[in-house]
Amino acid sequence: MSDIPVSTKWTLDAAGEIGRTSVTSVFMIISTKTQTKGTGFLLSNGYIITNEHVVRNNVSTDIMARSSFGEQITFSKLITDTERDLAILLPSTKITGGLNLGDDCKVEVGSLVSTWGFPLEYNGPSPLLSVGYLAGFKEYSSKSGIIKHLVVNGAFNPGNSGGPLFLSNDNKVIGIVSSKHAPITEFQKSALDALSNNKSGLIFTATDKQGTQTTFSESQLVADLLLHFRTLTQVMIGEAISVNELKTFLKEQSIT
């Protein structure tokens, strides 16, 4: 491509053969309705995977993806699983290439792992690499059974959500990045919730890039700023959803 962004060319040149496949298969996911951003990745079957919380309260037409080459992708279908925190997106136009799913059953604690994504305010065009190691495992109870997560000692941040997790020097997906640990006590959480829900007091009006106006109270502004700074706290522990949860979700939707 003659119009490939310079930073993408640099990344592809430096990523190696395995890294290049990962870079070209990872997309920035933008939810236009809720103004949220995350990461997604293309599977070899043509579907794009991300977290449910990245696209929450959006329909397929509210969501856009952007490739490392600056291409914008729209979607015709969205399937979500709130319990597993997974979402399947069907592009309006078929995309070739993509990643294959691996297996985390034989992944050992201490294994070097990595992910490509769009953390914090970074907007690409090419994704950034984050590296860590597998620190352990965690389980969550759900209506459908136990959900397995991989615990990673690495720099996961808001925006990395939905990115593929790989073993080092491999491009088979073993997990889907879902969260970072940012400790908070129940008292602090309840105080923030109270501030967020308080609509009385001094009222402000803000306008976003699309011209949509939003009104909010002084206490809601304070809560939003405190929550923002909390997301910047970097405790080097994050979690990724086991790839086997994605395999089960795809099977339930009759997607091979």
Protein backbone atom coordinates (compact mmCIF):
# COMPACT_ATOMS: atom_id res chain seq x y z
CA MET A 1 0.00 0.00 0.00
CA SER A 2 1.52 3.31 -1.08
CA ASP A 3 -0.48 5.34 1.42
CA ILE A 4 0.49 3.26 4.48
CA PRO A 5 1.06 5.50 7.55
CA VAL A 6 4.75 5.99 8.29
CA SER A 7 4.47 4.81 11.92
CA THR A 8 2.70 1.64 10.78
CA LYS A 9 5.50 0.95 8.27
CA TRP A 10 8.10 1.39 11.01
CA THR A 11 6.16 -0.96 13.32
CA LEU A 12 5.73 -3.62 10.62
CA ASP A 13 9.42 -3.42 9.66
CA ALA A 14 10.48 -3.87 13.30
CA ALA A 15 7.88 -6.43 14.43
CA GLY A 16 9.20 -9.50 12.61
CA GLU A 17 7.10 -12.02 10.67
CA ILE A 18 4.99 -13.16 13.64
CA GLY A 19 4.54 -9.62 14.95
CA ARG A 20 3.44 -8.32 11.55
CA THR A 21 0.51 -10.77 11.49
CA SER A 22 -0.55 -9.56 14.93
CA VAL A 23 -0.24 -5.86 14.06
CA THR A 24 -2.33 -6.17 10.90
CA SER A 25 -4.99 -8.22 12.75
CA VAL A 26 -5.49 -5.78 15.65
CA PHE A 27 -7.95 -2.89 15.39
CA MET A 28 -8.94 0.12 17.43
CA ILE A 29 -12.62 -0.26 18.40
CA ILE A 30 -14.55 2.98 18.77
CA SER A 31 -18.07 3.08 20.22
CA THR A 32 -19.47 6.32 18.84
CA LYS A 33 -22.59 6.38 20.99
CA THR A 34 -20.84 6.03 24.35
CA GLN A 35 -17.53 7.64 23.30
CA THR A 36 -15.54 4.63 24.54
CA LYS A 37 -12.46 3.07 22.97
CA GLY A 38 -10.88 -0.33 23.11
CA THR A 39 -9.04 -2.95 21.11
CA GLY A 40 -10.30 -5.80 18.94
CA PHE A 41 -8.74 -8.49 16.81
CA LEU A 42 -9.64 -10.26 13.59
CA LEU A 43 -10.10 -14.00 13.54
CA SER A 44 -9.29 -15.99 10.42
CA ASN A 45 -13.05 -16.67 10.02
CA GLY A 46 -13.67 -12.95 9.37
CA TYR A 47 -15.16 -11.96 12.75
CA ILE A 48 -13.66 -9.33 15.05
CA ILE A 49 -13.53 -10.02 18.80
CA THR A 50 -13.49 -7.50 21.64
CA ASN A 51 -14.82 -7.12 25.20
CA GLU A 52 -18.52 -6.65 25.86
CA HIS A 53 -17.78 -3.69 28.12
CA VAL A 54 -16.05 -1.90 25.21
CA VAL A 55 -19.28 -1.91 23.13
CA ARG A 56 -21.82 -1.88 25.96
CA ASN A 57 -25.02 0.11 25.27
CA ASN A 58 -24.18 0.28 21.57
CA VAL A 59 -25.68 -1.47 18.55
CA SER A 60 -23.61 -2.67 15.59
CA THR A 61 -24.10 0.57 13.63
CA ASP A 62 -22.73 2.61 16.57
CA ILE A 63 -19.38 0.81 16.39
CA MET A 64 -16.43 1.50 14.14
CA ALA A 65 -13.03 -0.14 13.85
CA ARG A 66 -9.85 1.39 12.49
CA SER A 67 -6.97 -0.65 11.09
CA SER A 68 -3.25 0.04 11.27
CA PHE A 69 -3.53 1.25 7.67
CA GLY A 70 -6.12 3.89 8.58
CA GLU A 71 -9.04 1.96 7.06
CA GLN A 72 -12.43 2.38 8.76
CA ILE A 73 -14.60 -0.69 9.19
CA THR A 74 -18.31 -0.74 9.96
CA PHE A 75 -20.34 -3.66 11.27
CA SER A 76 -23.60 -5.36 10.36
CA LYS A 77 -23.96 -7.60 13.42
CA LEU A 78 -23.06 -7.56 17.13
CA ILE A 79 -23.34 -10.52 19.52
CA THR A 80 -22.47 -10.03 23.19
CA ASP A 81 -21.99 -12.18 26.28
CA THR A 82 -22.13 -10.04 29.42
CA GLU A 83 -21.06 -12.81 31.79
CA ARG A 84 -17.96 -13.68 29.81
CA ASP A 85 -17.39 -10.01 28.84
CA LEU A 86 -16.99 -10.96 25.18
CA ALA A 87 -18.38 -9.49 21.96
CA ILE A 88 -18.40 -10.77 18.39
CA LEU A 89 -18.57 -8.24 15.55
CA LEU A 90 -19.33 -9.06 11.92
CA PRO A 91 -17.76 -6.53 9.50
CA SER A 92 -20.06 -5.13 6.82
CA THR A 93 -17.43 -6.12 4.25
CA LYS A 94 -15.43 -9.33 4.58
CA ILE A 95 -11.84 -8.88 5.82
CA THR A 96 -9.18 -11.47 4.98
CA GLY A 97 -6.27 -12.58 7.13
CA GLY A 98 -6.63 -12.72 10.88
CA LEU A 99 -5.48 -14.79 13.84
CA ASN A 100 -6.09 -18.35 14.99
CA LEU A 101 -7.01 -19.48 18.48
CA GLY A 102 -4.54 -21.39 20.60
CA ASP A 103 -4.98 -23.23 23.90
CA ASP A 104 -4.08 -22.04 27.38
CA CYS A 105 -4.22 -25.49 29.01
CA LYS A 106 -0.46 -26.02 28.79
CA VAL A 107 0.60 -22.42 29.43
CA GLU A 108 2.93 -22.35 32.43
CA VAL A 109 3.08 -19.73 35.15
CA GLY A 110 6.07 -17.52 34.41
CA SER A 111 5.59 -17.76 30.63
CA LEU A 112 6.30 -14.52 28.77
CA VAL A 113 3.11 -13.13 27.22
CA SER A 114 2.27 -10.08 25.12
CA THR A 115 -0.60 -8.10 23.65
CA TRP A 116 -1.03 -5.41 21.01
CA GLY A 117 -3.53 -2.62 21.62
CA PHE A 118 -4.45 1.04 21.99
CA PRO A 119 -3.95 1.98 25.68
CA LEU A 120 -5.05 5.22 27.34
CA GLU A 121 -5.16 8.22 24.97
CA TYR A 122 -2.98 6.58 22.32
CA ASN A 123 -4.88 6.56 19.02
CA GLY A 124 -2.53 4.78 16.65
CA PRO A 125 -2.62 4.21 13.79
CA SER A 126 -0.62 1.04 14.61
CA PRO A 127 -1.12 -0.69 17.99
CA LEU A 128 1.43 -0.70 20.81
CA LEU A 129 3.06 -3.81 22.27
CA SER A 130 2.73 -4.62 25.98
CA VAL A 131 4.78 -7.47 27.49
CA GLY A 132 4.47 -9.30 30.81
CA TYR A 133 4.34 -12.80 32.21
CA LEU A 134 1.63 -15.18 33.35
CA ALA A 135 1.32 -14.79 37.11
CA GLY A 136 -1.54 -17.21 37.81
CA PHE A 137 -5.22 -17.89 37.28
CA LYS A 138 -8.54 -16.67 38.65
CA GLU A 139 -12.07 -18.02 38.46
CA TYR A 140 -15.43 -16.30 38.46
CA SER A 141 -18.82 -17.89 39.08
CA SER A 142 -21.56 -17.32 36.52
CA LYS A 143 -24.97 -18.78 35.66
CA SER A 144 -23.33 -20.96 33.02
CA GLY A 145 -20.50 -22.18 35.28
CA ILE A 146 -16.97 -21.15 36.16
CA ILE A 147 -15.28 -18.55 33.95
CA LYS A 148 -11.48 -18.80 33.78
CA HIS A 149 -9.20 -15.78 33.66
CA LEU A 150 -5.44 -15.58 33.21
CA VAL A 151 -3.71 -13.22 35.64
CA VAL A 152 -0.86 -11.33 34.01
CA ASN A 153 1.90 -9.25 35.52
CA GLY A 154 2.04 -6.59 32.82
CA ALA A 155 1.04 -3.06 31.90
CA PHE A 156 -2.61 -3.41 30.89
CA ASN A 157 -4.44 -0.08 30.69
CA PRO A 158 -7.85 1.23 29.64
CA GLY A 159 -7.90 0.89 25.86
CA ASN A 160 -6.09 -2.48 25.93
CA SER A 161 -9.43 -4.15 26.68
CA GLY A 162 -10.36 -6.63 23.97
CA GLY A 163 -6.81 -7.15 22.74
CA PRO A 164 -5.41 -10.61 21.99
CA LEU A 165 -3.01 -12.22 24.47
CA PHE A 166 -0.18 -14.30 23.01
CA LEU A 167 2.68 -16.39 24.24
CA SER A 168 5.94 -14.67 23.40
CA ASN A 169 7.05 -15.25 19.79
CA ASP A 170 3.69 -16.76 18.86
CA ASN A 171 0.54 -15.32 17.29
CA LYS A 172 -2.05 -17.84 18.43
CA VAL A 173 -4.52 -16.23 20.81
CA ILE A 174 -4.52 -17.68 24.35
CA GLY A 175 -6.62 -14.97 26.01
CA ILE A 176 -8.52 -11.72 25.60
CA VAL A 177 -7.32 -8.76 27.69
CA SER A 178 -10.17 -7.62 29.94
CA SER A 179 -9.06 -5.56 32.94
CA LYS A 180 -6.33 -4.11 35.11
CA HIS A 181 -6.20 -4.09 38.89
CA ALA A 182 -6.67 -0.66 40.47
CA PRO A 183 -7.35 -1.27 44.18
CA ILE A 184 -10.21 0.59 45.85
CA THR A 185 -11.99 -0.02 49.16
CA GLU A 186 -15.75 -0.59 49.37
CA PHE A 187 -16.07 2.71 51.28
CA GLN A 188 -14.27 4.63 48.53
CA LYS A 189 -16.33 2.92 45.84
CA SER A 190 -19.62 3.75 47.59
CA ALA A 191 -18.48 7.39 47.99
CA LEU A 192 -17.66 7.63 44.28
CA ASP A 193 -21.01 6.05 43.40
CA ALA A 194 -22.80 8.61 45.58
CA LEU A 195 -20.98 11.49 43.85
CA SER A 196 -21.72 10.01 40.41
CA ASN A 197 -25.43 9.72 41.19
CA ASN A 198 -25.81 13.22 42.67
CA LYS A 199 -27.44 15.42 40.01
CA SER A 200 -28.07 18.44 42.23
CA GLY A 201 -25.88 21.50 42.82
CA LEU A 202 -23.97 23.59 40.32
CA ILE A 203 -24.76 22.37 36.78
CA PHE A 204 -22.38 22.43 33.81
CA THR A 205 -22.93 21.79 30.11
CA ALA A 206 -20.30 20.19 27.87
CA THR A 207 -20.25 19.60 24.10
CA ASP A 208 -18.44 16.65 22.51
CA LYS A 209 -16.81 16.48 19.06
CA GLN A 210 -20.11 15.50 17.46
CA GLY A 211 -21.85 18.56 18.91
CA THR A 212 -23.88 16.56 21.44
CA GLN A 213 -24.46 18.45 24.68
CA THR A 214 -24.35 16.80 28.09
CA THR A 215 -25.30 18.33 31.42
CA PHE A 216 -23.70 17.22 34.67
CA SER A 217 -23.43 18.41 38.24
CA GLU A 218 -20.32 19.57 40.07
CA SER A 219 -20.19 16.36 42.14
CA GLN A 220 -20.49 14.24 38.99
CA LEU A 221 -17.55 16.12 37.48
CA VAL A 222 -15.48 15.46 40.61
CA ALA A 223 -16.41 11.76 40.52
CA ASP A 224 -15.52 11.52 36.84
CA LEU A 225 -12.10 13.10 37.41
CA LEU A 226 -11.38 10.83 40.38
CA LEU A 227 -12.37 7.76 38.38
CA HIS A 228 -10.17 8.93 35.50
CA PHE A 229 -7.14 9.30 37.75
CA ARG A 230 -7.87 5.88 39.22
CA THR A 231 -7.65 4.34 35.75
CA LEU A 232 -4.16 5.84 35.42
CA THR A 233 -2.97 4.01 38.53
CA GLN A 234 -0.64 1.27 37.36
CA VAL A 235 -0.51 -1.79 39.55
CA MET A 236 1.26 -4.30 37.31
CA ILE A 237 -1.49 -6.91 37.49
CA GLY A 238 -4.16 -7.41 34.85
CA GLU A 239 -6.50 -10.13 33.67
CA ALA A 240 -7.30 -11.82 30.37
CA ILE A 241 -10.28 -14.04 29.62
CA SER A 242 -9.26 -17.59 28.75
CA VAL A 243 -9.39 -18.34 25.03
CA ASN A 244 -11.45 -21.42 25.87
CA GLU A 245 -14.27 -19.11 27.01
CA LEU A 246 -14.19 -17.50 23.56
CA LYS A 247 -14.22 -20.92 21.88
CA THR A 248 -17.33 -21.86 23.88
CA PHE A 249 -19.03 -18.56 23.06
CA LEU A 250 -18.31 -18.98 19.33
CA LYS A 251 -19.62 -22.55 19.45
CA GLU A 252 -22.83 -21.41 21.15
CA GLN A 253 -23.34 -19.01 18.23
CA SER A 254 -22.59 -21.79 15.69
CA ILE A 255 -19.50 -19.91 14.51
CA THR A 256 -16.60 -22.13 13.52
